[in-house]
C-alpha cells in the first residue's frame, strides 16, 4: 500500500498565490473596508482614524506577502495546470486593483484628517524628503519665511 505524507509538502506556487491573494482580499474586505466606511460616515472618530493607520501598515505587510508569492510563481518555469496559473495571475491582478482603490480612499481620509487637524491647530505640515511631513510649521513661521 502506498503511503503518502502530505503534511510535509507545500502546495504548488500557483496554488499558494491563489490562497495568498484570496486571504489578502478577504482581509481587506472584512477588516479595512468597514473602518473606511465608518470614517466616511462619521469623520469625528479619532480612534477609528488611528486604527485605520495601523490597518494600513498591516495591509502593506499583507501586500508584500502576496507579491512575494507572485514572485515565486514568476520565478518558476511554467508547469502543471496552466488554468490554475492563469487564474492565480488574474486573482492577483484583481487584488492589486482592490488594494489600490482602498489605498486611495485611505489617502483621502488621512489627508482630510490632516487638513482638519492643521486647521484646528493653526499650522501646516512641512514636507520633508519624499513629501512626508517632518514637523508642523506654524503659520507665523511660514509668513516670516523661516520654514
Protein backbone atom coordinates (compact mmCIF):
# COMPACT_ATOMS: atom_id res chain seq x y z
CA UNK A 1 0.00 0.00 0.00
CA UNK A 2 1.30 3.41 -0.98
CA UNK A 3 1.53 5.74 1.99
CA UNK A 4 1.61 9.47 1.32
CA UNK A 5 2.54 12.12 3.80
CA UNK A 6 1.07 15.44 2.63
CA UNK A 7 1.80 17.22 5.90
CA UNK A 8 5.40 17.93 4.88
CA UNK A 9 4.61 19.10 1.36
CA UNK A 10 3.71 22.64 0.47
CA UNK A 11 1.22 23.34 -2.30
CA UNK A 12 2.48 24.40 -5.73
CA UNK A 13 3.43 28.06 -6.12
CA UNK A 14 0.37 28.90 -8.24
CA UNK A 15 -1.93 27.48 -5.57
CA UNK A 16 -0.01 29.42 -2.91
CA UNK A 17 -0.58 32.60 -4.90
CA UNK A 18 -4.30 31.87 -5.18
CA UNK A 19 -4.54 31.26 -1.44
CA UNK A 20 -2.45 34.32 -0.56
CA UNK A 21 -4.43 36.61 -2.90
CA UNK A 22 -7.71 35.27 -1.53
CA UNK A 23 -6.55 35.81 2.05
CA UNK A 24 -5.50 39.38 1.31
CA UNK A 25 -8.75 40.24 -0.49
CA UNK A 26 -10.82 38.76 2.32
CA UNK A 27 -8.79 40.59 4.98
CA UNK A 28 -9.11 43.92 3.16
CA UNK A 29 -12.87 43.45 2.75
CA UNK A 30 -13.52 42.32 6.30
CA UNK A 31 -11.09 44.47 8.27
CA UNK A 32 -10.20 47.64 6.34
CA UNK A 33 -13.31 48.49 4.32
CA UNK A 34 -15.66 48.66 7.35
CA UNK A 35 -13.32 51.14 9.09
CA UNK A 36 -13.15 53.26 5.92
CA UNK A 37 -16.94 53.27 5.67
CA UNK A 38 -17.27 54.23 9.33
CA UNK A 39 -14.90 57.15 8.86
CA UNK A 40 -16.64 58.27 5.67
CA UNK A 41 -19.92 58.49 7.59
CA UNK A 42 -18.56 59.78 10.92
CA UNK A 43 -15.25 61.54 10.50
CA UNK A 44 -15.12 62.61 14.15
CA UNK A 45 -13.91 59.21 15.34
CA UNK A 46 -10.27 59.73 16.25
CA UNK A 47 -9.95 56.14 17.45
CA UNK A 48 -11.16 54.81 14.10
CA UNK A 49 -8.66 57.05 12.30
CA UNK A 50 -5.79 55.77 14.45
CA UNK A 51 -6.95 52.20 13.87
CA UNK A 52 -7.10 52.86 10.12
CA UNK A 53 -3.48 53.99 10.17
CA UNK A 54 -2.50 50.76 11.97
CA UNK A 55 -4.51 48.71 9.46
CA UNK A 56 -2.74 50.50 6.62
CA UNK A 57 0.63 49.34 7.94
CA UNK A 58 -0.67 45.80 8.28
CA UNK A 59 -2.13 45.97 4.76
CA UNK A 60 1.33 46.74 3.38
CA UNK A 61 2.63 43.57 5.06
CA UNK A 62 -0.19 41.50 3.54
CA UNK A 63 0.52 43.05 0.13
CA UNK A 64 4.19 42.17 0.47
CA UNK A 65 3.34 38.55 1.25
CA UNK A 66 1.02 38.32 -1.75
CA UNK A 67 3.51 39.97 -4.07
CA UNK A 68 6.24 37.62 -2.80
CA UNK A 69 4.00 34.66 -3.69
CA UNK A 70 3.59 36.16 -7.17
CA UNK A 71 7.35 36.48 -7.42
CA UNK A 72 7.75 32.80 -6.59
CA UNK A 73 5.29 31.88 -9.32
CA UNK A 74 7.07 34.08 -11.84
CA UNK A 75 10.47 32.62 -10.90
CA UNK A 76 9.40 29.06 -11.71
CA UNK A 77 9.15 27.55 -15.14
CA UNK A 78 5.51 27.05 -16.16
CA UNK A 79 4.43 23.56 -15.22
CA UNK A 80 1.25 21.83 -14.20
CA UNK A 81 -2.22 23.19 -14.81
CA UNK A 82 -2.00 26.37 -16.89
CA UNK A 83 -5.61 27.17 -15.97
CA UNK A 84 -4.70 27.42 -12.29
CA UNK A 85 -1.71 29.59 -13.15
CA UNK A 86 -3.84 31.93 -15.29
CA UNK A 87 -6.45 32.15 -12.52
CA UNK A 88 -3.73 32.93 -9.99
CA UNK A 89 -2.41 35.75 -12.16
CA UNK A 90 -5.92 37.19 -12.70
CA UNK A 91 -6.77 36.96 -9.00
CA UNK A 92 -3.52 38.69 -8.09
CA UNK A 93 -4.28 41.47 -10.58
CA UNK A 94 -7.76 41.89 -9.09
CA UNK A 95 -6.34 42.07 -5.57
CA UNK A 96 -3.84 44.71 -6.70
CA UNK A 97 -6.74 46.80 -8.08
CA UNK A 98 -8.68 46.36 -4.83
CA UNK A 99 -5.56 47.31 -2.89
CA UNK A 100 -5.09 50.47 -4.98
CA UNK A 101 -8.73 51.52 -4.61
CA UNK A 102 -8.64 51.03 -0.84
CA UNK A 103 -5.32 52.84 -0.54
CA UNK A 104 -6.72 55.81 -2.48
CA UNK A 105 -9.68 56.01 -0.09
CA UNK A 106 -7.33 55.80 2.90
CA UNK A 107 -5.14 58.57 1.44
CA UNK A 108 -8.19 60.80 1.06
CA UNK A 109 -9.33 60.17 4.62
CA UNK A 110 -5.87 60.73 6.10
CA UNK A 111 -5.38 63.88 4.02
CA UNK A 112 -8.74 65.21 5.16
CA UNK A 113 -7.88 64.37 8.76
CA UNK A 114 -4.54 66.14 8.37
CA UNK A 115 -6.25 69.20 6.90
CA UNK A 116 -8.76 69.26 9.75
CA UNK A 117 -6.03 68.88 12.36
CA UNK A 118 -3.98 71.64 10.75
CA UNK A 119 -6.96 73.97 10.55
CA UNK A 120 -7.82 73.30 14.18
CA UNK A 121 -4.26 73.74 15.42
CA UNK A 122 -3.40 76.67 13.17
CA UNK A 123 -0.40 75.07 11.46
CA UNK A 124 0.56 73.40 8.21
CA UNK A 125 2.62 70.28 7.64
CA UNK A 126 6.10 70.79 6.25
CA UNK A 127 7.05 68.30 3.57
CA UNK A 128 10.36 66.56 4.16
CA UNK A 129 12.21 64.11 1.94
CA UNK A 130 9.70 62.14 -0.10
CA UNK A 131 6.87 64.59 0.63
CA UNK A 132 6.13 63.31 4.13
CA UNK A 133 5.60 65.86 6.90
CA UNK A 134 8.64 66.21 9.12
CA UNK A 135 7.29 68.68 11.63
CA UNK A 136 4.44 71.17 11.88
CA UNK A 137 5.18 74.67 10.65
CA UNK A 138 3.35 77.39 12.43
CA UNK A 139 1.57 79.81 10.12
CA UNK A 140 3.59 82.70 11.56
CA UNK A 141 6.87 80.90 10.65
CA UNK A 142 5.73 80.48 7.06
CA UNK A 143 4.75 84.15 6.87
CA UNK A 144 8.16 85.18 8.25
CA UNK A 145 9.94 82.89 5.74
CA UNK A 146 11.60 80.82 8.48
CA UNK A 147 10.32 77.45 7.25
